[in-house]
Amino acid sequence: MSAIARFFKNVTSEMRKVTWPTRKELTSYTVTVVITVILFAVFFMLLDFGIEQLIQLIL
């Protein structure tokens, strides 16, 4: 039982050392991720469309 208690004590100690992002930073990071995902989705959509057109041209 002492090993479990020591584990949670260490977890609590480490969590106090964490530097959490501010609301502004978190919003900025979230917007960056969403925009990146959208850009990748559009890129792969266009790539898929181009390959489909190429295949139809060949056949």
Protein backbone atom coordinates (compact mmCIF):
# COMPACT_ATOMS: atom_id res chain seq x y z
CA MET A 1 0.00 0.00 0.00
CA SER A 2 2.88 2.38 0.68
CA ALA A 3 4.09 2.03 -2.92
CA ILE A 4 0.74 3.29 -4.22
CA ALA A 5 0.76 6.20 -1.77
CA ARG A 6 4.34 7.08 -2.76
CA PHE A 7 3.35 6.93 -6.44
CA PHE A 8 0.48 9.39 -5.98
CA LYS A 9 2.69 11.64 -3.84
CA ASN A 10 5.23 11.72 -6.67
CA VAL A 11 2.50 12.40 -9.23
CA THR A 12 1.23 15.33 -7.15
CA SER A 13 4.76 16.66 -6.78
CA GLU A 14 5.37 16.50 -10.54
CA MET A 15 2.02 18.08 -11.39
CA ARG A 16 2.96 21.12 -9.32
CA LYS A 17 6.03 21.61 -11.53
CA VAL A 18 3.97 21.71 -14.74
CA THR A 19 3.62 25.08 -16.44
CA TRP A 20 0.06 25.17 -17.74
CA PRO A 21 -0.75 27.32 -20.79
CA THR A 22 -2.75 30.48 -20.33
CA ARG A 23 -6.19 30.85 -21.89
CA LYS A 24 -4.71 32.99 -24.67
CA GLU A 25 -1.98 30.44 -25.45
CA LEU A 26 -4.45 27.57 -25.39
CA THR A 27 -6.77 29.39 -27.79
CA SER A 28 -3.85 30.14 -30.11
CA TYR A 29 -2.68 26.52 -30.08
CA THR A 30 -6.21 25.25 -30.72
CA VAL A 31 -6.73 27.60 -33.67
CA THR A 32 -3.37 26.55 -35.12
CA VAL A 33 -4.26 22.86 -34.90
CA VAL A 34 -7.73 23.32 -36.41
CA ILE A 35 -6.38 25.38 -39.33
CA THR A 36 -3.61 22.84 -39.95
CA VAL A 37 -6.09 19.95 -39.98
CA ILE A 38 -8.37 21.83 -42.40
CA LEU A 39 -5.45 22.61 -44.73
CA PHE A 40 -4.30 18.99 -44.74
CA ALA A 41 -7.87 17.81 -45.43
CA VAL A 42 -8.19 20.19 -48.39
CA PHE A 43 -4.76 19.17 -49.68
CA PHE A 44 -5.60 15.46 -49.59
CA MET A 45 -9.03 16.10 -51.07
CA LEU A 46 -7.44 17.90 -54.04
CA LEU A 47 -4.78 15.22 -54.37
CA ASP A 48 -7.47 12.52 -54.39
CA PHE A 49 -9.49 14.44 -56.97
CA GLY A 50 -6.41 14.88 -59.17
CA ILE A 51 -5.51 11.19 -59.02
CA GLU A 52 -9.12 10.25 -59.80
CA GLN A 53 -9.13 12.53 -62.85
CA LEU A 54 -5.78 11.11 -64.00
CA ILE A 55 -7.08 7.55 -63.74
CA GLN A 56 -10.24 8.43 -65.66
CA LEU A 57 -8.09 10.08 -68.35
CA ILE A 58 -5.96 6.96 -68.69
CA LEU A 59 -8.92 4.58 -68.82
